[in-house]
PDB file of all heavy atoms in Angstrom:
ATOM      1  N   ILE A   1     -65.046 195.410  54.412  1.00  0.00           N
ATOM      2  CA  ILE A   1     -66.455 195.446  54.786  1.00  0.00           C
ATOM      3  C   ILE A   1     -66.646 194.568  56.027  1.00  0.00           C
ATOM      4  O   ILE A   1     -66.327 193.379  56.018  1.00  0.00           O
ATOM      5  CB  ILE A   1     -67.357 194.928  53.646  1.00  0.00           C
ATOM      6  CG1 ILE A   1     -67.194 195.795  52.392  1.00  0.00           C
ATOM      7  CG2 ILE A   1     -68.818 194.878  54.088  1.00  0.00           C
ATOM      8  CD1 ILE A   1     -67.694 197.213  52.551  1.00  0.00           C
ATOM      9  N   THR A   2     -67.155 195.157  57.094  1.00  0.00           N
ATOM     10  CA  THR A   2     -67.400 194.411  58.321  1.00  0.00           C
ATOM     11  C   THR A   2     -68.734 193.682  58.227  1.00  0.00           C
ATOM     12  O   THR A   2     -69.764 194.298  57.968  1.00  0.00           O
ATOM     13  CB  THR A   2     -67.409 195.342  59.538  1.00  0.00           C
ATOM     14  OG1 THR A   2     -66.118 195.968  59.657  1.00  0.00           O
ATOM     15  CG2 THR A   2     -67.711 194.568  60.818  1.00  0.00           C
ATOM     16  N   VAL A   3     -68.696 192.377  58.417  1.00  0.00           N
ATOM     17  CA  VAL A   3     -69.925 191.577  58.408  1.00  0.00           C
ATOM     18  C   VAL A   3     -70.547 191.589  59.798  1.00  0.00           C
ATOM     19  O   VAL A   3     -71.732 191.821  59.965  1.00  0.00           O
ATOM     20  CB  VAL A   3     -69.643 190.134  57.948  1.00  0.00           C
ATOM     21  CG1 VAL A   3     -70.914 189.286  58.026  1.00  0.00           C
ATOM     22  CG2 VAL A   3     -69.100 190.137  56.522  1.00  0.00           C
ATOM     23  N   ASP A   4     -69.737 191.322  60.810  1.00  0.00           N
ATOM     24  CA  ASP A   4     -70.165 191.387  62.205  1.00  0.00           C
ATOM     25  C   ASP A   4     -68.911 191.452  63.067  1.00  0.00           C
ATOM     26  O   ASP A   4     -67.806 191.673  62.550  1.00  0.00           O
ATOM     27  CB  ASP A   4     -71.066 190.198  62.584  1.00  0.00           C
ATOM     28  CG  ASP A   4     -70.437 188.852  62.278  1.00  0.00           C
ATOM     29  OD1 ASP A   4     -69.203 188.732  62.360  1.00  0.00           O
ATOM     30  OD2 ASP A   4     -71.179 187.914  61.949  1.00  0.00           O
ATOM     31  N   SER A   5     -69.036 191.247  64.361  1.00  0.00           N
ATOM     32  CA  SER A   5     -67.896 191.377  65.261  1.00  0.00           C
ATOM     33  C   SER A   5     -66.851 190.285  65.074  1.00  0.00           C
ATOM     34  O   SER A   5     -65.721 190.411  65.545  1.00  0.00           O
ATOM     35  CB  SER A   5     -68.371 191.364  66.719  1.00  0.00           C
ATOM     36  OG  SER A   5     -69.015 190.138  67.028  1.00  0.00           O
ATOM     37  N   LYS A   6     -67.189 189.222  64.352  1.00  0.00           N
ATOM     38  CA  LYS A   6     -66.271 188.099  64.183  1.00  0.00           C
ATOM     39  C   LYS A   6     -65.597 188.052  62.823  1.00  0.00           C
ATOM     40  O   LYS A   6     -64.589 187.362  62.659  1.00  0.00           O
ATOM     41  CB  LYS A   6     -67.014 186.774  64.404  1.00  0.00           C
ATOM     42  CG  LYS A   6     -67.538 186.578  65.811  1.00  0.00           C
ATOM     43  CD  LYS A   6     -68.227 185.213  65.923  1.00  0.00           C
ATOM     44  CE  LYS A   6     -68.754 184.968  67.326  1.00  0.00           C
ATOM     45  NZ  LYS A   6     -69.422 183.639  67.428  1.00  0.00           N
ATOM     46  N   SER A   7     -66.154 188.708  61.819  1.00  0.00           N
ATOM     47  CA  SER A   7     -65.625 188.526  60.474  1.00  0.00           C
ATOM     48  C   SER A   7     -65.788 189.759  59.606  1.00  0.00           C
ATOM     49  O   SER A   7     -66.658 190.604  59.841  1.00  0.00           O
ATOM     50  CB  SER A   7     -66.302 187.322  59.799  1.00  0.00           C
ATOM     51  OG  SER A   7     -67.704 187.451  59.828  1.00  0.00           O
ATOM     52  N   SER A   8     -64.922 189.842  58.592  1.00  0.00           N
ATOM     53  CA  SER A   8     -64.974 190.946  57.639  1.00  0.00           C
ATOM     54  C   SER A   8     -64.495 190.452  56.287  1.00  0.00           C
ATOM     55  O   SER A   8     -63.910 189.367  56.166  1.00  0.00           O
ATOM     56  CB  SER A   8     -64.091 192.113  58.113  1.00  0.00           C
ATOM     57  OG  SER A   8     -62.737 191.700  58.221  1.00  0.00           O
ATOM     58  N   LEU A   9     -64.751 191.247  55.241  1.00  0.00           N
ATOM     59  CA  LEU A   9     -64.352 190.916  53.878  1.00  0.00           C
ATOM     60  C   LEU A   9     -63.445 192.014  53.350  1.00  0.00           C
ATOM     61  O   LEU A   9     -63.769 193.200  53.458  1.00  0.00           O
ATOM     62  CB  LEU A   9     -65.586 190.792  52.979  1.00  0.00           C
ATOM     63  CG  LEU A   9     -66.576 189.683  53.347  1.00  0.00           C
ATOM     64  CD1 LEU A   9     -67.906 189.908  52.605  1.00  0.00           C
ATOM     65  CD2 LEU A   9     -66.016 188.324  53.007  1.00  0.00           C
ATOM     66  N   THR A  10     -62.299 191.626  52.776  1.00  0.00           N
ATOM     67  CA  THR A  10     -61.346 192.586  52.223  1.00  0.00           C
ATOM     68  C   THR A  10     -61.372 192.508  50.701  1.00  0.00           C
ATOM     69  O   THR A  10     -61.190 191.421  50.137  1.00  0.00           O
ATOM     70  CB  THR A  10     -59.923 192.304  52.724  1.00  0.00           C
ATOM     71  OG1 THR A  10     -59.896 192.388  54.151  1.00  0.00           O
ATOM     72  CG2 THR A  10     -58.935 193.316  52.146  1.00  0.00           C
ATOM     73  N   PHE A  11     -61.610 193.641  50.049  1.00  0.00           N
ATOM     74  CA  PHE A  11     -61.628 193.711  48.589  1.00  0.00           C
ATOM     75  C   PHE A  11     -60.525 194.648  48.120  1.00  0.00           C
ATOM     76  O   PHE A  11     -60.501 195.823  48.510  1.00  0.00           O
ATOM     77  CB  PHE A  11     -62.971 194.241  48.081  1.00  0.00           C
ATOM     78  CG  PHE A  11     -64.141 193.351  48.399  1.00  0.00           C
ATOM     79  CD1 PHE A  11     -64.854 193.517  49.581  1.00  0.00           C
ATOM     80  CD2 PHE A  11     -64.548 192.357  47.524  1.00  0.00           C
ATOM     81  CE1 PHE A  11     -65.934 192.709  49.880  1.00  0.00           C
ATOM     82  CE2 PHE A  11     -65.627 191.540  47.815  1.00  0.00           C
ATOM     83  CZ  PHE A  11     -66.317 191.714  48.999  1.00  0.00           C
ATOM     84  N   PRO A  12     -59.602 194.174  47.268  1.00  0.00           N
ATOM     85  CA  PRO A  12     -58.638 195.092  46.654  1.00  0.00           C
ATOM     86  C   PRO A  12     -59.324 195.910  45.572  1.00  0.00           C
ATOM     87  O   PRO A  12     -60.506 195.709  45.292  1.00  0.00           O
ATOM     88  CB  PRO A  12     -57.598 194.138  46.058  1.00  0.00           C
ATOM     89  CG  PRO A  12     -58.364 192.901  45.753  1.00  0.00           C
ATOM     90  CD  PRO A  12     -59.415 192.790  46.832  1.00  0.00           C
ATOM     91  N   ASP A  13     -58.618 196.842  44.957  1.00  0.00           N
ATOM     92  CA  ASP A  13     -59.229 197.630  43.888  1.00  0.00           C
ATOM     93  C   ASP A  13     -59.401 196.770  42.633  1.00  0.00           C
ATOM     94  O   ASP A  13     -58.731 195.772  42.437  1.00  0.00           O
ATOM     95  CB  ASP A  13     -58.395 198.877  43.565  1.00  0.00           C
ATOM     96  CG  ASP A  13     -56.977 198.540  43.128  1.00  0.00           C
ATOM     97  OD1 ASP A  13     -56.549 197.383  43.360  1.00  0.00           O
ATOM     98  OD2 ASP A  13     -56.310 199.409  42.568  1.00  0.00           O
ATOM     99  N   ILE A  14     -60.349 197.166  41.800  1.00  0.00           N
ATOM    100  CA  ILE A  14     -60.636 196.497  40.525  1.00  0.00           C
ATOM    101  C   ILE A  14     -60.836 194.997  40.742  1.00  0.00           C
ATOM    102  O   ILE A  14     -60.312 194.161  40.009  1.00  0.00           O
ATOM    103  CB  ILE A  14     -59.524 196.752  39.482  1.00  0.00           C
ATOM    104  CG1 ILE A  14     -59.050 198.202  39.528  1.00  0.00           C
ATOM    105  CG2 ILE A  14     -60.029 196.435  38.073  1.00  0.00           C
ATOM    106  CD1 ILE A  14     -57.910 198.516  38.593  1.00  0.00           C
ATOM    107  N   ALA A  15     -61.609 194.633  41.758  1.00  0.00           N
ATOM    108  CA  ALA A  15     -61.791 193.224  42.100  1.00  0.00           C
ATOM    109  C   ALA A  15     -63.140 192.673  41.663  1.00  0.00           C
ATOM    110  O   ALA A  15     -63.427 191.505  41.900  1.00  0.00           O
ATOM    111  CB  ALA A  15     -61.638 193.045  43.606  1.00  0.00           C
ATOM    112  N   VAL A  16     -63.979 193.498  41.013  1.00  0.00           N
ATOM    113  CA  VAL A  16     -65.350 193.082  40.729  1.00  0.00           C
ATOM    114  C   VAL A  16     -65.629 193.135  39.227  1.00  0.00           C
ATOM    115  O   VAL A  16     -65.194 194.058  38.526  1.00  0.00           O
ATOM    116  CB  VAL A  16     -66.357 193.969  41.490  1.00  0.00           C
ATOM    117  CG1 VAL A  16     -67.783 193.536  41.211  1.00  0.00           C
ATOM    118  CG2 VAL A  16     -66.071 193.923  42.995  1.00  0.00           C
ATOM    119  N   ALA A  17     -66.380 192.134  38.757  1.00  0.00           N
ATOM    120  CA  ALA A  17     -66.716 192.048  37.337  1.00  0.00           C
ATOM    121  C   ALA A  17     -68.199 191.752  37.169  1.00  0.00           C
ATOM    122  O   ALA A  17     -68.882 191.339  38.110  1.00  0.00           O
ATOM    123  CB  ALA A  17     -65.886 190.956  36.657  1.00  0.00           C
ATOM    124  N   HIS A  18     -68.693 191.994  35.941  1.00  0.00           N
ATOM    125  CA  HIS A  18     -70.046 191.570  35.596  1.00  0.00           C
ATOM    126  C   HIS A  18     -70.086 190.048  35.533  1.00  0.00           C
ATOM    127  O   HIS A  18     -69.041 189.382  35.544  1.00  0.00           O
ATOM    128  CB  HIS A  18     -70.463 192.157  34.243  1.00  0.00           C
ATOM    129  CG  HIS A  18     -70.577 193.648  34.239  1.00  0.00           C
ATOM    130  ND1 HIS A  18     -71.676 194.315  34.747  1.00  0.00           N
ATOM    131  CD2 HIS A  18     -69.728 194.612  33.772  1.00  0.00           C
ATOM    132  CE1 HIS A  18     -71.512 195.619  34.595  1.00  0.00           C
ATOM    133  NE2 HIS A  18     -70.342 195.838  34.018  1.00  0.00           N
ATOM    134  N   GLU A  19     -71.280 189.486  35.437  1.00  0.00           N
ATOM    135  CA  GLU A  19     -71.406 188.029  35.358  1.00  0.00           C
ATOM    136  C   GLU A  19     -70.735 187.452  34.119  1.00  0.00           C
ATOM    137  O   GLU A  19     -70.312 186.298  34.121  1.00  0.00           O
ATOM    138  CB  GLU A  19     -72.876 187.614  35.402  1.00  0.00           C
ATOM    139  CG  GLU A  19     -73.512 187.771  36.768  1.00  0.00           C
ATOM    140  CD  GLU A  19     -74.799 186.988  36.887  1.00  0.00           C
ATOM    141  OE1 GLU A  19     -75.815 187.440  36.330  1.00  0.00           O
ATOM    142  OE2 GLU A  19     -74.776 185.924  37.526  1.00  0.00           O
ATOM    143  N   ASN A  20     -70.614 188.259  33.052  1.00  0.00           N
ATOM    144  CA  ASN A  20     -69.961 187.771  31.838  1.00  0.00           C
ATOM    145  C   ASN A  20     -68.444 187.862  31.906  1.00  0.00           C
ATOM    146  O   ASN A  20     -67.749 187.521  30.941  1.00  0.00           O
ATOM    147  CB  ASN A  20     -70.484 188.511  30.603  1.00  0.00           C
ATOM    148  CG  ASN A  20     -70.164 190.009  30.637  1.00  0.00           C
ATOM    149  OD1 ASN A  20     -69.412 190.501  31.483  1.00  0.00           O
ATOM    150  ND2 ASN A  20     -70.767 190.749  29.707  1.00  0.00           N
ATOM    151  N   GLY A  21     -67.906 188.345  33.034  1.00  0.00           N
ATOM    152  CA  GLY A  21     -66.456 188.420  33.208  1.00  0.00           C
ATOM    153  C   GLY A  21     -65.842 189.769  32.896  1.00  0.00           C
ATOM    154  O   GLY A  21     -64.681 190.011  33.231  1.00  0.00           O
ATOM    155  N   SER A  22     -66.578 190.681  32.239  1.00  0.00           N
ATOM    156  CA  SER A  22     -66.037 192.002  31.934  1.00  0.00           C
ATOM    157  C   SER A  22     -65.957 192.843  33.201  1.00  0.00           C
ATOM    158  O   SER A  22     -66.776 192.706  34.113  1.00  0.00           O
ATOM    159  CB  SER A  22     -66.900 192.708  30.886  1.00  0.00           C
ATOM    160  OG  SER A  22     -68.212 192.917  31.375  1.00  0.00           O
ATOM    161  N   LEU A  23     -64.950 193.714  33.274  1.00  0.00           N
ATOM    162  CA  LEU A  23     -64.726 194.510  34.480  1.00  0.00           C
ATOM    163  C   LEU A  23     -65.913 195.419  34.767  1.00  0.00           C
ATOM    164  O   LEU A  23     -66.532 195.988  33.872  1.00  0.00           O
ATOM    165  CB  LEU A  23     -63.460 195.350  34.325  1.00  0.00           C
ATOM    166  CG  LEU A  23     -62.127 194.606  34.384  1.00  0.00           C
ATOM    167  CD1 LEU A  23     -60.971 195.579  34.179  1.00  0.00           C
ATOM    168  CD2 LEU A  23     -61.975 193.877  35.714  1.00  0.00           C
ATOM    169  N   TYR A  24     -66.228 195.541  36.048  1.00  0.00           N
ATOM    170  CA  TYR A  24     -67.310 196.412  36.502  1.00  0.00           C
ATOM    171  C   TYR A  24     -66.706 197.623  37.188  1.00  0.00           C
ATOM    172  O   TYR A  24     -65.751 197.501  37.977  1.00  0.00           O
ATOM    173  CB  TYR A  24     -68.227 195.673  37.471  1.00  0.00           C
ATOM    174  CG  TYR A  24     -69.244 196.570  38.150  1.00  0.00           C
ATOM    175  CD1 TYR A  24     -70.388 196.990  37.474  1.00  0.00           C
ATOM    176  CD2 TYR A  24     -69.047 197.019  39.460  1.00  0.00           C
ATOM    177  CE1 TYR A  24     -71.309 197.813  38.088  1.00  0.00           C
ATOM    178  CE2 TYR A  24     -69.966 197.838  40.088  1.00  0.00           C
ATOM    179  CZ  TYR A  24     -71.102 198.237  39.397  1.00  0.00           C
ATOM    180  OH  TYR A  24     -72.008 199.062  40.007  1.00  0.00           O
ATOM    181  N   SER A  25     -67.263 198.792  36.920  1.00  0.00           N
ATOM    182  CA  SER A  25     -66.804 200.021  37.563  1.00  0.00           C
ATOM    183  C   SER A  25     -68.003 200.728  38.182  1.00  0.00           C
ATOM    184  O   SER A  25     -69.013 200.960  37.519  1.00  0.00           O
ATOM    185  CB  SER A  25     -66.128 200.946  36.533  1.00  0.00           C
ATOM    186  OG  SER A  25     -65.722 202.158  37.148  1.00  0.00           O
ATOM    187  N   GLY A  26     -67.900 201.040  39.461  1.00  0.00           N
ATOM    188  CA  GLY A  26     -69.001 201.725  40.128  1.00  0.00           C
ATOM    189  C   GLY A  26     -69.214 201.196  41.522  1.00  0.00           C
ATOM    190  O   GLY A  26     -68.350 200.540  42.111  1.00  0.00           O
ATOM    191  N   GLU A  27     -70.388 201.458  42.070  1.00  0.00           N
ATOM    192  CA  GLU A  27     -70.696 201.027  43.430  1.00  0.00           C
ATOM    193  C   GLU A  27     -71.057 199.547  43.484  1.00  0.00           C
ATOM    194  O   GLU A  27     -71.742 199.028  42.608  1.00  0.00           O
ATOM    195  CB  GLU A  27     -71.857 201.846  44.005  1.00  0.00           C
ATOM    196  CG  GLU A  27     -71.485 203.273  44.375  1.00  0.00           C
ATOM    197  CD  GLU A  27     -72.578 203.962  45.169  1.00  0.00           C
ATOM    198  OE1 GLU A  27     -73.736 203.486  45.132  1.00  0.00           O
ATOM    199  OE2 GLU A  27     -72.288 204.976  45.833  1.00  0.00           O
ATOM    200  N   VAL A  28     -70.590 198.908  44.532  1.00  0.00           N
ATOM    201  CA  VAL A  28     -70.880 197.498  44.769  1.00  0.00           C
ATOM    202  C   VAL A  28     -71.588 197.376  46.115  1.00  0.00           C
ATOM    203  O   VAL A  28     -71.109 197.880  47.134  1.00  0.00           O
ATOM    204  CB  VAL A  28     -69.588 196.661  44.801  1.00  0.00           C
ATOM    205  CG1 VAL A  28     -69.915 195.192  45.096  1.00  0.00           C
ATOM    206  CG2 VAL A  28     -68.835 196.793  43.497  1.00  0.00           C
TER     207      VAL A  28
END
């Protein structure tokens, strides 16, 4: 994900969870 011309964020697959720690599946 490009933030701007100076920086970006790289996310591997299955990298996101709910606040309780359980895996999240879907759009982020």
